[in-house]
Structures are given as C-alpha cells and as structure tokens.
Amino acid sequence: MKENKAPWYYLLLLVLAGESVFILPFVLARVFRPTVLDAFSLNNVELGLCFSVYGTVALIAYILGGPIADKFSPRKLIAVSLWTTALGGFLYATFPDFKTLKILYGYWGFTTIFLFWAPMIKAARVWGGNNNQGKAYGFLDGGRGLVGALFGTMGVLIFSLFITSEIASASIEESQLAFKYVIWVASVMIIVVGVLVWNFMKLDDEVEQNIVIEKISVNQILEVLKLPAVWLLMIIILCAYVGYKATDVLSLYAKDVMLYNQVESAKVGTFLLFIRPIVGVIIGILADRTQTAYWLLISFIITVIGALFFATGLVPQYSIFLFFFSILTVSTGVYATRSLYFAVMKQGRIPLVLTGTAVGLISLVGYTPDIFAGPAMGYLLDSNPGIVGHQHVFWMLGGFSLIGTIAAGIYYGLYRKKEIEFN
C-alpha cells in the first residue's frame, strides 16, 4: 500500500461519521443527562440499564462486525450504519416507555457497531500510514470531540430557545417539547452525514485491494489471538472506557453537588466535549514524535490523579475553580487514553489487513463497560444521594485507571524496543 493515498477529506468525513453515529444513544444523554432523566421518567439505574442493553448487543456486533470490516470497503458499511441509526431517533423523539427504550438501545447497539466500529478504526489506520498513527487516531477522536461539542452547543441553544418559562421552573412537558426538536435535528444531521460518506469517502482502487482479504476464515481469528498486544489492549481499553463512561456523570455532578440548573449543567457537558478535540490533537502530535505507548501510560496516570480529586472530596460545593480544574484533569487523561489506545496497534505488531478482526476481538472485552458501568454508576449514585455517591463513582474510576496504568506500562515495556524492528 502506498503511503498517504487517502485524501485529507477522507479523515474529515470519518470524523463527522465517527461522532454523528453516537449522538443519539450517548452524546445527548451526556450533555442533557438531567433532562433525559426527567423527560423519560427514568432514574440513574434505569438509564444505566438502557446502556447495559446497548452494550450487550454491541458485544455480539463487535465480534461479528470485525471480520466483515476486513472483507468489505469501509464507505458503504459506515453509510448504512448512519442511516439505520438515524431511524431510531424518530422513535426516540416520541419519548417511549422504559421497555421500548431498552429495545431501542439494543437496536442502536447493533446499528452503531456491526457495520461501523471496526471499519472506522481500520479506515483511520489506513489514513495514518506508517508514520502518522498518533495523528490519525488523535485527530479522529479529537475531531469527533469537536463535532460532539459543536452539536452539544447547538443542542443547548435549540433546547433553550424552546423553553418559554424560567429554566428552573420549566415543566416536564416543556422540556420534552424542547428536547424533541434537539432529537429531530440530530437525526436529520446523521442522515446527511451518511449521504456525504456514501458519495465521497472513497479510496484508490489499489488501496482498497491491499486492505481487504478475499475470504473470512477462522484462521485469521486464531492468528490475531496469538498476539500479546491484543490481550493487553483488551485490558487497556476496558479500563480506559470506564473512564470515558464516568465523564457522563459530570453534568449530573454539576446539578447535584454544584447546584446548577439544567441548562448550566448541560453547558458543563458541552465544556467537556470542547476539551476532547484539543487533547486529541495535542496528544496525537506528541505520540508520533516519541512513542505512542509511552503517552498512553502517562494518560492513565493523569486520569488516576483527576479521579482522586473527586473521590477524596477535594472538590467542595461552590468551589468553581477546583471543580473545573478537576474536570480538566480527568477529561485530559480520559480523552488522551481514548485517542491513543488503538494508535498503538502498529507498535504492537498487529497486521494492517487483520485490523478489523483484531478490533472486533479487542472490543469484545474492551467495551464491556457498556454493560456494567452504567448500572454500576447508577446504583452508586441512587443509593448514596449527593456528593457521596459521586465520590464512590470516582473511586471506581480511580481503581480501573490504576489497572490500566499497569497494563499500559507492560505494553510500553514489551514493545518499545521492537518498534524500530517492526517499522
């Protein structure tokens, strides 16, 4: 495969698609968590169970979708995934009951993963070539964060425009109406992105031939499972993803502990999304100039420090500076690990042509927090109202991040001397 055959707009479309597909199941709940709980008449455990259903279906989709990504071109797979995901948004906008909502999240667990996740990761690796893996995944995740931040800002604006009374005294009916417009806009945007991907996210024929296999076999799965990097990445991504799930509660922390209203807490969620692109770009550039696995290790250490700020109660009520400083620390560590954990695949000697299969197997374990993290955090929050519940959540984050630090340290020690040889 020739170097840098994929054009710059290929990555741009990948960025747009990469965040758009997750707006409905995740971004809206992250930015508007208090509103979602009220509008759908849910508690934290019930919302966590919706995420759990999503994660259960997604685990099956990861393993099935991985080999398919090695057989077919990413463009069509990603476009179909976007369109089928957007269709679920129109049901979401009817504010279905809890049972239907769980079914919808199960549907999204399939549409956002089966034809999407492994193709996206593989496409980014193709764009990065031999020397720009850090930039490829840093720009991908950072760009996704920017798309999410811009949509979050637009969503907050749309939401506030349709709240005619005082925000603090808005009725559930008013919140539902305003949130419905946010969902509709999101769904239409996802459809449009799918059209753009279908028509423009194309690769040179020679590149296409070099990144696909002729047939899917059990041997390719066995070959991937022999690689130590695959097993370490399962642990690394699992721990890093718990951190990413924990950022979902920061807007709720703003409401429960800092006593912000719904719009103010949504702005906290949006602030998080703006941190993500900055971290992604910076960490991607740093990683390519030194060693990606080294910066992955540093990112986990930062996450542990940030988690301890919240877990030990060092962020008291009304201390705005400490609140935002702690948010910045946690989010920097979390988003940096997210930007880098797939960027170390090349350093871990995972063959490019088997990237999809490797991603499917790694994700089968790595993204299990989609099943257990939501209900676990919901239980901790609902059984210990106020700051105590949030402290318990961040103790959980700190524990997983410490395990991730150990795994990342082993990965760095195992492959830092082999990177030159592999290149």
Protein backbone atom coordinates (compact mmCIF):
# COMPACT_ATOMS: atom_id res chain seq x y z
CA MET A 1 0.00 0.00 0.00
CA LYS A 2 1.34 3.39 -0.97
CA GLU A 3 1.75 5.97 1.75
CA ASN A 4 -0.95 8.61 2.35
CA LYS A 5 -3.20 7.56 -0.54
CA ALA A 6 -6.29 8.53 1.41
CA PRO A 7 -7.01 12.29 0.96
CA TRP A 8 -7.47 14.75 3.82
CA TYR A 9 -11.26 14.91 3.38
CA TYR A 10 -11.40 11.14 3.90
CA LEU A 11 -10.39 11.69 7.53
CA LEU A 12 -12.77 14.65 7.80
CA LEU A 13 -15.72 12.51 6.71
CA LEU A 14 -14.57 9.78 9.07
CA VAL A 15 -14.56 12.30 11.92
CA LEU A 16 -18.07 13.51 11.07
CA ALA A 17 -19.38 9.97 10.85
CA GLY A 18 -17.46 8.83 13.92
CA GLU A 19 -19.30 11.14 16.29
CA SER A 20 -22.61 11.53 14.46
CA VAL A 21 -23.44 7.86 14.83
CA PHE A 22 -23.20 8.11 18.65
CA ILE A 23 -25.08 11.39 19.14
CA LEU A 24 -28.46 9.76 19.74
CA PRO A 25 -27.52 6.97 22.16
CA PHE A 26 -24.69 8.73 24.03
CA VAL A 27 -23.96 12.40 23.33
CA LEU A 28 -27.48 13.59 24.14
CA ALA A 29 -27.51 11.66 27.42
CA ARG A 30 -24.07 13.04 28.29
CA VAL A 31 -24.93 16.68 27.62
CA PHE A 32 -28.57 16.57 28.74
CA ARG A 33 -28.47 13.86 31.41
CA PRO A 34 -30.77 15.63 33.92
CA THR A 35 -33.21 16.45 31.10
CA VAL A 36 -33.17 12.87 29.80
CA LEU A 37 -33.91 11.52 33.27
CA ASP A 38 -36.89 13.88 33.66
CA ALA A 39 -38.26 13.67 30.10
CA PHE A 40 -38.24 9.85 30.03
CA SER A 41 -39.20 9.48 33.72
CA LEU A 42 -36.05 7.49 34.48
CA ASN A 43 -33.72 7.18 37.44
CA ASN A 44 -29.97 6.68 37.08
CA VAL A 45 -30.17 2.90 37.38
CA GLU A 46 -32.81 2.66 34.63
CA LEU A 47 -30.77 4.83 32.27
CA GLY A 48 -27.77 2.68 33.13
CA LEU A 49 -29.76 -0.44 32.22
CA CYS A 50 -30.52 1.08 28.80
CA PHE A 51 -26.78 1.48 28.28
CA SER A 52 -26.35 -2.10 29.51
CA VAL A 53 -28.74 -3.44 26.86
CA TYR A 54 -26.83 -1.42 24.27
CA GLY A 55 -23.55 -2.90 25.47
CA THR A 56 -24.83 -6.48 25.48
CA VAL A 57 -25.95 -6.27 21.85
CA ALA A 58 -22.80 -4.35 20.94
CA LEU A 59 -20.56 -7.17 22.22
CA ILE A 60 -22.11 -9.54 19.70
CA ALA A 61 -21.88 -6.88 16.99
CA TYR A 62 -18.18 -6.29 17.70
CA ILE A 63 -17.18 -9.89 17.11
CA LEU A 64 -19.42 -10.30 14.05
CA GLY A 65 -18.55 -6.95 12.54
CA GLY A 66 -14.76 -7.22 12.89
CA PRO A 67 -14.12 -9.78 10.13
CA ILE A 68 -16.66 -8.04 7.86
CA ALA A 69 -14.53 -4.89 8.08
CA ASP A 70 -11.61 -6.89 6.68
CA LYS A 71 -13.74 -8.16 3.79
CA PHE A 72 -15.54 -5.01 2.58
CA SER A 73 -14.72 -1.33 2.00
CA PRO A 74 -15.48 0.99 4.96
CA ARG A 75 -17.50 3.54 2.94
CA LYS A 76 -20.73 1.63 2.37
CA LEU A 77 -20.67 -0.09 5.75
CA ILE A 78 -20.39 3.24 7.58
CA ALA A 79 -23.11 4.96 5.50
CA VAL A 80 -25.66 2.20 6.10
CA SER A 81 -24.84 2.28 9.81
CA LEU A 82 -25.53 6.03 9.96
CA TRP A 83 -28.88 5.78 8.19
CA THR A 84 -30.20 2.90 10.30
CA THR A 85 -29.09 4.66 13.48
CA ALA A 86 -30.89 7.87 12.46
CA LEU A 87 -34.16 5.98 12.01
CA GLY A 88 -34.12 5.14 15.71
CA GLY A 89 -34.04 8.84 16.52
CA PHE A 90 -37.58 9.35 15.31
CA LEU A 91 -38.80 6.72 17.77
CA TYR A 92 -36.65 8.30 20.49
CA ALA A 93 -38.40 11.62 19.89
CA THR A 94 -41.76 10.07 20.90
CA PHE A 95 -40.41 9.53 24.45
CA PRO A 96 -41.24 5.82 24.61
CA ASP A 97 -41.71 3.92 27.88
CA PHE A 98 -38.82 2.22 29.65
CA LYS A 99 -39.37 -1.17 27.99
CA THR A 100 -39.42 0.31 24.49
CA LEU A 101 -36.43 2.50 25.32
CA LYS A 102 -34.40 -0.61 26.24
CA ILE A 103 -35.34 -2.19 22.91
CA LEU A 104 -34.30 1.00 21.12
CA TYR A 105 -30.92 0.99 22.85
CA GLY A 106 -30.49 -2.64 21.84
CA TYR A 107 -31.24 -1.65 18.25
CA TRP A 108 -28.64 1.14 18.47
CA GLY A 109 -26.16 -1.32 19.96
CA PHE A 110 -26.37 -3.19 16.65
CA THR A 111 -26.60 -0.30 14.16
CA THR A 112 -23.75 1.75 15.64
CA ILE A 113 -21.32 -1.17 15.95
CA PHE A 114 -21.90 -4.03 13.49
CA LEU A 115 -21.19 -2.12 10.27
CA PHE A 116 -19.44 0.85 11.83
CA TRP A 117 -16.89 0.44 14.62
CA ALA A 118 -14.24 -1.82 13.07
CA PRO A 119 -14.48 -0.11 9.64
CA MET A 120 -13.93 3.29 11.32
CA ILE A 121 -10.86 2.10 13.26
CA LYS A 122 -9.41 0.39 10.20
CA ALA A 123 -10.04 3.42 7.97
CA ALA A 124 -8.17 5.65 10.44
CA ARG A 125 -5.23 3.26 10.45
CA VAL A 126 -5.15 3.33 6.63
CA TRP A 127 -5.11 7.15 6.64
CA GLY A 128 -2.30 7.21 9.21
CA GLY A 129 0.04 5.06 7.13
CA ASN A 130 3.42 4.10 8.60
CA ASN A 131 4.35 7.30 10.40
CA ASN A 132 1.15 9.10 11.45
CA GLN A 133 -0.77 6.64 13.60
CA GLY A 134 -0.83 9.02 16.56
CA LYS A 135 -2.14 11.85 14.41
CA ALA A 136 -4.69 9.59 12.71
CA TYR A 137 -6.31 8.45 15.95
CA GLY A 138 -5.67 11.69 17.82
CA PHE A 139 -7.28 13.73 15.05
CA LEU A 140 -10.09 11.17 14.75
CA ASP A 141 -11.00 11.22 18.42
CA GLY A 142 -10.27 14.92 18.82
CA GLY A 143 -12.29 15.71 15.72
CA ARG A 144 -15.13 13.55 16.99
CA GLY A 145 -14.99 15.53 20.22
CA LEU A 146 -15.22 18.79 18.28
CA VAL A 147 -18.23 17.53 16.32
CA GLY A 148 -19.85 16.46 19.58
CA ALA A 149 -19.02 19.80 21.21
CA LEU A 150 -20.46 21.80 18.31
CA PHE A 151 -23.59 19.68 18.31
CA GLY A 152 -23.82 19.95 22.10
CA THR A 153 -23.62 23.74 21.82
CA MET A 154 -26.25 23.76 19.10
CA GLY A 155 -28.40 21.36 21.10
CA VAL A 156 -28.26 23.55 24.20
CA LEU A 157 -29.19 26.57 22.06
CA ILE A 158 -32.13 24.75 20.45
CA PHE A 159 -33.26 23.46 23.83
CA SER A 160 -33.12 26.88 25.47
CA LEU A 161 -34.99 28.52 22.57
CA PHE A 162 -38.00 26.28 23.08
CA ILE A 163 -38.15 26.71 26.86
CA THR A 164 -40.51 29.66 27.19
CA SER A 165 -40.58 29.86 31.01
CA GLU A 166 -37.76 30.15 33.52
CA ILE A 167 -35.33 27.23 33.10
CA ALA A 168 -35.50 26.24 36.76
CA SER A 169 -39.32 26.10 36.72
CA ALA A 170 -39.83 24.52 33.27
CA SER A 171 -42.43 21.74 33.26
CA ILE A 172 -41.68 18.21 32.04
CA GLU A 173 -43.93 18.88 29.03
CA GLU A 174 -41.89 21.96 28.09
CA SER A 175 -38.63 20.04 28.50
CA GLN A 176 -39.94 17.20 26.34
CA LEU A 177 -41.02 19.56 23.55
CA ALA A 178 -37.68 21.36 23.53
CA PHE A 179 -35.73 18.11 23.68
CA LYS A 180 -37.82 16.66 20.84
CA TYR A 181 -36.52 19.36 18.49
CA VAL A 182 -32.97 18.55 19.56
CA ILE A 183 -33.52 14.86 18.69
CA TRP A 184 -35.08 15.68 15.31
CA VAL A 185 -32.18 17.91 14.31
CA ALA A 186 -29.71 15.21 15.36
CA SER A 187 -31.47 12.54 13.32
CA VAL A 188 -31.55 14.65 10.16
CA MET A 189 -27.87 15.55 10.57
CA ILE A 190 -26.91 11.87 10.83
CA ILE A 191 -28.78 11.09 7.61
CA VAL A 192 -26.97 13.91 5.78
CA VAL A 193 -23.57 12.71 7.02
CA GLY A 194 -24.42 9.24 5.72
CA VAL A 195 -25.10 10.67 2.26
CA LEU A 196 -21.76 12.50 2.28
CA VAL A 197 -19.89 9.36 3.34
CA TRP A 198 -21.57 7.24 0.66
CA ASN A 199 -20.69 9.67 -2.10
CA PHE A 200 -17.25 11.00 -1.14
CA MET A 201 -15.38 8.76 1.34
CA LYS A 202 -13.67 6.75 -1.37
CA LEU A 203 -10.24 5.14 -1.56
CA ASP A 204 -7.96 4.48 -4.51
CA ASP A 205 -8.61 1.03 -6.06
CA GLU A 206 -5.06 -0.09 -5.22
CA VAL A 207 -5.51 0.84 -1.56
CA GLU A 208 -8.87 -0.96 -1.46
CA GLN A 209 -7.25 -4.18 -2.70
CA ASN A 210 -4.44 -4.01 -0.15
CA ILE A 211 -6.64 -3.61 2.92
CA VAL A 212 -9.22 -6.36 2.30
CA ILE A 213 -9.00 -10.14 2.37
CA GLU A 214 -10.58 -12.48 -0.15
CA LYS A 215 -12.47 -14.56 2.38
CA ILE A 216 -13.25 -14.62 6.08
CA SER A 217 -11.83 -17.62 7.98
CA VAL A 218 -11.32 -18.96 11.48
CA ASN A 219 -7.56 -18.89 10.89
CA GLN A 220 -7.48 -15.09 10.83
CA ILE A 221 -9.13 -15.03 14.27
CA LEU A 222 -6.64 -17.57 15.63
CA GLU A 223 -3.74 -15.61 14.16
CA VAL A 224 -4.89 -12.44 15.89
CA LEU A 225 -5.43 -14.20 19.22
CA LYS A 226 -1.77 -15.27 19.26
CA LEU A 227 -0.64 -11.64 19.56
CA PRO A 228 0.16 -10.42 23.13
CA ALA A 229 -0.78 -6.88 22.10
CA VAL A 230 -4.37 -7.97 21.52
CA TRP A 231 -4.77 -9.31 25.06
CA LEU A 232 -3.15 -6.27 26.64
CA LEU A 233 -5.32 -3.92 24.59
CA MET A 234 -8.42 -5.72 25.86
CA ILE A 235 -7.47 -4.69 29.42
CA ILE A 236 -6.24 -1.22 28.44
CA ILE A 237 -9.39 -0.32 26.53
CA LEU A 238 -11.69 -1.77 29.21
CA CYS A 239 -10.05 0.44 31.86
CA ALA A 240 -9.94 3.50 29.61
CA TYR A 241 -13.58 3.07 28.61
CA VAL A 242 -14.70 3.01 32.24
CA GLY A 243 -13.11 6.46 32.42
CA TYR A 244 -14.99 7.62 29.36
CA LYS A 245 -18.28 6.35 30.80
CA ALA A 246 -17.54 8.16 34.07
CA THR A 247 -17.48 11.51 32.26
CA ASP A 248 -21.21 11.00 31.69
CA VAL A 249 -21.90 11.92 35.32
CA LEU A 250 -20.02 15.21 35.38
CA SER A 251 -23.03 17.22 34.16
CA LEU A 252 -25.07 15.47 36.87
CA TYR A 253 -22.36 16.35 39.43
CA ALA A 254 -22.84 19.97 38.41
CA LYS A 255 -26.57 19.68 39.16
CA ASP A 256 -26.46 17.50 42.30
CA VAL A 257 -23.37 18.94 44.02
CA MET A 258 -22.71 22.35 42.47
CA LEU A 259 -26.48 23.07 42.30
CA TYR A 260 -26.52 24.18 38.63
CA ASN A 261 -29.81 24.26 36.69
CA GLN A 262 -30.50 22.08 33.62
CA VAL A 263 -29.02 24.47 31.05
CA GLU A 264 -25.97 25.25 33.21
CA SER A 265 -25.30 21.54 33.79
CA ALA A 266 -25.70 20.90 30.03
CA LYS A 267 -23.08 23.58 29.43
CA VAL A 268 -20.70 21.63 31.70
CA GLY A 269 -21.27 18.57 29.49
CA THR A 270 -20.58 20.68 26.41
CA PHE A 271 -17.41 22.09 28.02
CA LEU A 272 -16.16 18.52 28.30
CA LEU A 273 -16.72 17.99 24.60
CA PHE A 274 -14.59 21.02 23.73
CA ILE A 275 -11.70 19.65 25.81
CA ARG A 276 -11.68 16.44 23.79
CA PRO A 277 -10.55 17.84 20.39
CA ILE A 278 -7.77 19.88 21.99
CA VAL A 279 -6.44 16.87 23.87
CA GLY A 280 -6.78 14.60 20.83
CA VAL A 281 -4.76 16.85 18.51
CA ILE A 282 -2.01 17.59 21.05
CA ILE A 283 -1.57 14.00 22.23
CA GLY A 284 -1.61 12.71 18.63
CA ILE A 285 1.26 15.01 17.63
CA LEU A 286 3.26 14.19 20.76
CA ALA A 287 2.76 10.45 20.25
CA ASP A 288 4.12 10.48 16.70
CA ARG A 289 7.20 12.44 17.78
CA THR A 290 8.13 9.97 20.53
CA GLN A 291 6.41 6.67 21.38
CA THR A 292 2.66 6.22 21.41
CA ALA A 293 2.63 3.64 24.19
CA TYR A 294 4.60 5.98 26.47
CA TRP A 295 1.96 8.69 26.19
CA LEU A 296 -0.76 6.12 26.74
CA LEU A 297 0.89 5.29 30.06
CA ILE A 298 1.14 8.98 31.03
CA SER A 299 -2.53 9.49 30.13
CA PHE A 300 -3.64 6.78 32.54
CA ILE A 301 -1.57 8.33 35.34
CA ILE A 302 -3.27 11.70 34.74
CA THR A 303 -6.68 10.00 34.92
CA VAL A 304 -5.83 8.44 38.28
CA ILE A 305 -4.83 11.86 39.66
CA GLY A 306 -8.01 13.52 38.39
CA ALA A 307 -10.21 10.74 39.80
CA LEU A 308 -8.62 11.20 43.22
CA PHE A 309 -9.52 14.91 43.24
CA PHE A 310 -13.21 13.99 43.10
CA ALA A 311 -13.06 10.74 45.10
CA THR A 312 -11.34 12.25 48.13
CA GLY A 313 -13.73 15.18 48.34
CA LEU A 314 -11.20 17.82 47.33
CA VAL A 315 -13.87 19.42 45.11
CA PRO A 316 -16.23 21.09 47.60
CA GLN A 317 -19.55 22.69 46.74
CA TYR A 318 -19.30 26.26 45.38
CA SER A 319 -15.56 25.93 44.63
CA ILE A 320 -15.90 26.67 40.93
CA PHE A 321 -12.15 26.81 40.27
CA LEU A 322 -11.44 23.40 41.81
CA PHE A 323 -14.49 21.93 40.08
CA PHE A 324 -13.36 22.96 36.61
CA PHE A 325 -9.69 22.20 37.34
CA SER A 326 -10.65 18.66 38.36
CA ILE A 327 -12.88 18.28 35.30
CA LEU A 328 -9.96 19.40 33.14
CA THR A 329 -7.60 16.87 34.77
CA VAL A 330 -9.99 13.92 34.50
CA SER A 331 -11.07 14.72 30.95
CA THR A 332 -7.48 15.27 29.77
CA GLY A 333 -6.46 11.82 30.99
CA VAL A 334 -9.61 10.10 29.75
CA TYR A 335 -9.61 11.68 26.28
CA ALA A 336 -5.87 11.12 25.84
CA THR A 337 -6.16 7.40 26.57
CA ARG A 338 -9.14 7.23 24.21
CA SER A 339 -7.15 8.89 21.45
CA LEU A 340 -4.20 6.53 21.77
CA TYR A 341 -5.36 3.03 22.62
CA PHE A 342 -5.93 1.99 19.01
CA ALA A 343 -2.97 4.06 17.80
CA VAL A 344 -0.60 1.54 19.45
CA MET A 345 -1.77 -1.36 17.24
CA LYS A 346 1.05 -0.85 14.76
CA GLN A 347 3.61 -0.67 17.56
CA GLY A 348 2.08 -3.92 18.88
CA ARG A 349 2.73 -5.60 15.51
CA ILE A 350 -0.92 -6.21 14.58
CA PRO A 351 -1.13 -6.72 10.77
CA LEU A 352 -3.00 -3.99 8.89
CA VAL A 353 -5.05 -6.41 6.81
CA LEU A 354 -6.37 -8.05 10.00
CA THR A 355 -7.14 -4.78 11.79
CA GLY A 356 -10.91 -5.31 11.64
CA THR A 357 -10.70 -8.78 13.17
CA ALA A 358 -8.33 -7.53 15.86
CA VAL A 359 -10.60 -4.59 16.69
CA GLY A 360 -13.60 -6.92 16.94
CA LEU A 361 -11.86 -9.26 19.37
CA ILE A 362 -10.33 -6.46 21.43
CA SER A 363 -13.66 -4.66 21.62
CA LEU A 364 -15.44 -7.81 22.76
CA VAL A 365 -13.70 -7.36 26.13
CA GLY A 366 -12.67 -3.71 25.97
CA TYR A 367 -16.15 -2.30 25.66
CA THR A 368 -17.86 -4.43 28.31
CA PRO A 369 -18.22 -1.22 30.41
CA ASP A 370 -21.16 -0.52 28.10
CA ILE A 371 -22.85 -3.37 30.01
CA PHE A 372 -21.76 -2.88 33.60
CA ALA A 373 -20.55 0.73 34.01
CA GLY A 374 -23.93 2.41 33.54
CA PRO A 375 -25.86 0.28 36.07
CA ALA A 376 -22.91 0.33 38.50
CA MET A 377 -22.66 4.12 38.45
CA GLY A 378 -26.44 4.43 38.60
CA TYR A 379 -26.55 2.22 41.69
CA LEU A 380 -23.77 4.17 43.41
CA LEU A 381 -25.48 7.49 42.65
CA ASP A 382 -29.03 6.49 43.59
CA SER A 383 -28.10 4.61 46.77
CA ASN A 384 -25.90 7.44 48.01
CA PRO A 385 -27.54 10.74 47.01
CA GLY A 386 -25.41 13.85 46.70
CA ILE A 387 -21.65 14.12 46.81
CA VAL A 388 -21.11 10.72 48.48
CA GLY A 389 -22.50 8.81 45.50
CA HIS A 390 -20.32 10.80 43.13
CA GLN A 391 -17.26 10.11 45.27
CA HIS A 392 -17.96 6.38 45.01
CA VAL A 393 -18.15 6.66 41.21
CA PHE A 394 -14.75 8.33 41.10
CA TRP A 395 -13.21 5.75 43.41
CA MET A 396 -14.37 3.19 40.84
CA LEU A 397 -12.78 5.27 38.08
CA GLY A 398 -9.52 5.53 40.02
CA GLY A 399 -9.35 1.77 40.55
CA PHE A 400 -9.86 0.90 36.90
CA SER A 401 -7.43 3.62 35.81
CA LEU A 402 -4.76 2.17 38.10
CA ILE A 403 -5.19 -1.25 36.46
CA GLY A 404 -4.99 0.47 33.07
CA THR A 405 -1.76 2.15 34.14
CA ILE A 406 -0.20 -1.23 34.94
CA ALA A 407 -1.33 -2.77 31.62
CA ALA A 408 -0.10 0.25 29.64
CA GLY A 409 3.24 0.03 31.44
CA ILE A 410 3.60 -3.62 30.43
CA TYR A 411 2.68 -2.77 26.83
CA TYR A 412 5.25 0.01 26.72
CA GLY A 413 7.96 -2.20 28.19
CA LEU A 414 7.16 -5.07 25.81
CA TYR A 415 7.12 -3.13 22.54
CA ARG A 416 9.31 -0.05 22.92
CA LYS A 417 12.43 -1.94 21.76
CA LYS A 418 10.60 -3.71 18.95
CA GLU A 419 9.09 -0.64 17.29
CA ILE A 420 12.16 0.15 15.13
CA GLU A 421 12.45 -3.51 14.13
CA PHE A 422 8.78 -3.66 13.09
CA ASN A 423 9.00 -0.47 11.01
